[in-house]
Amino acid sequence: MEVLGLLGFIFALIAHNKVNEVKRELTRMKRDGQLGSGETDPELYDDVDRLRAEVVDIQERLDFTERLLVSHRNEQDSTKLDD
């Protein structure tokens, strides 16, 4: 596997882990009776904002990695044409 392909895979795993982290927290809150009470914990808003920022960062990194992959492939294609 190419290094850049590996980086894209790693970023996808990080994003997947963040989603699982949120699911686990929601499951725990439901189990502990913290969901459905009509009250919203201010810390929950902070957590959601933090996770949104992390997802945006991961998306930007993935976009950058995709651009690198395309650039790398284009360079390889042009090198093959020159030969």
Protein backbone atom coordinates (compact mmCIF):
# COMPACT_ATOMS: atom_id res chain seq x y z
CA MET A 1 0.00 0.00 0.00
CA GLU A 2 1.32 3.45 -0.86
CA VAL A 3 2.21 5.81 1.98
CA LEU A 4 -0.38 8.39 0.91
CA GLY A 5 -3.05 5.69 0.64
CA LEU A 6 -2.13 4.58 4.12
CA LEU A 7 -2.53 8.15 5.40
CA GLY A 8 -6.02 8.36 3.91
CA PHE A 9 -6.89 5.06 5.55
CA ILE A 10 -5.61 6.32 8.91
CA PHE A 11 -7.68 9.50 8.66
CA ALA A 12 -10.77 7.43 7.85
CA LEU A 13 -10.13 5.29 10.93
CA ILE A 14 -9.80 8.39 13.11
CA ALA A 15 -13.12 9.75 11.84
CA HIS A 16 -14.77 6.36 12.40
CA ASN A 17 -13.40 6.23 15.95
CA LYS A 18 -14.81 9.69 16.72
CA VAL A 19 -18.27 8.60 15.59
CA ASN A 20 -18.00 5.50 17.76
CA GLU A 21 -16.91 7.67 20.69
CA VAL A 22 -20.09 9.74 20.37
CA LYS A 23 -22.25 6.61 20.07
CA ARG A 24 -20.71 5.14 23.23
CA GLU A 25 -21.27 8.37 25.13
CA LEU A 26 -24.91 8.58 24.02
CA THR A 27 -25.45 4.94 24.98
CA ARG A 28 -23.93 5.59 28.41
CA MET A 29 -26.06 8.69 28.91
CA LYS A 30 -29.21 6.81 27.93
CA ARG A 31 -28.34 3.96 30.28
CA ASP A 32 -27.67 6.39 33.14
CA GLY A 33 -30.97 8.19 32.53
CA GLN A 34 -29.33 11.42 31.38
CA LEU A 35 -31.17 11.46 28.05
CA GLY A 36 -34.83 12.21 27.68
CA SER A 37 -35.10 14.22 30.89
CA GLY A 38 -35.80 17.44 28.97
CA GLU A 39 -32.67 19.04 30.40
CA THR A 40 -29.59 19.68 28.32
CA ASP A 41 -26.19 19.50 29.92
CA PRO A 42 -24.08 22.54 28.91
CA GLU A 43 -21.02 20.26 28.79
CA LEU A 44 -22.79 18.28 26.08
CA TYR A 45 -22.82 21.37 23.86
CA ASP A 46 -19.11 21.82 24.49
CA ASP A 47 -18.46 18.19 23.60
CA VAL A 48 -20.48 18.48 20.39
CA ASP A 49 -18.63 21.67 19.43
CA ARG A 50 -15.28 19.98 20.11
CA LEU A 51 -16.25 16.94 18.04
CA ARG A 52 -17.44 19.16 15.19
CA ALA A 53 -14.10 20.97 15.19
CA GLU A 54 -12.25 17.64 15.15
CA VAL A 55 -14.37 16.35 12.26
CA VAL A 56 -13.70 19.55 10.28
CA ASP A 57 -9.97 19.12 10.93
CA ILE A 58 -10.10 15.49 9.83
CA GLN A 59 -12.03 16.45 6.68
CA GLU A 60 -9.43 19.07 5.82
CA ARG A 61 -6.61 16.59 6.33
CA LEU A 62 -8.37 13.99 4.21
CA ASP A 63 -8.96 16.53 1.43
CA PHE A 64 -5.26 17.45 1.55
CA THR A 65 -4.28 13.78 1.40
CA GLU A 66 -6.59 13.20 -1.57
CA ARG A 67 -5.01 16.15 -3.39
CA LEU A 68 -1.55 14.71 -2.70
CA LEU A 69 -2.64 11.34 -4.05
CA VAL A 70 -4.00 12.87 -7.24
CA SER A 71 -0.87 14.97 -7.69
CA HIS A 72 1.35 11.94 -7.11
CA ARG A 73 -0.62 9.85 -9.61
CA ASN A 74 -0.50 12.64 -12.20
CA GLU A 75 3.28 12.85 -11.79
CA GLN A 76 3.60 9.09 -12.26
CA ASP A 77 1.37 9.19 -15.35
CA SER A 78 3.37 12.02 -16.91
CA THR A 79 6.63 10.18 -16.17
CA LYS A 80 5.29 7.06 -17.90
CA LEU A 81 4.32 9.14 -20.94
CA ASP A 82 7.80 10.64 -21.16
CA ASP A 83 9.44 7.21 -21.25
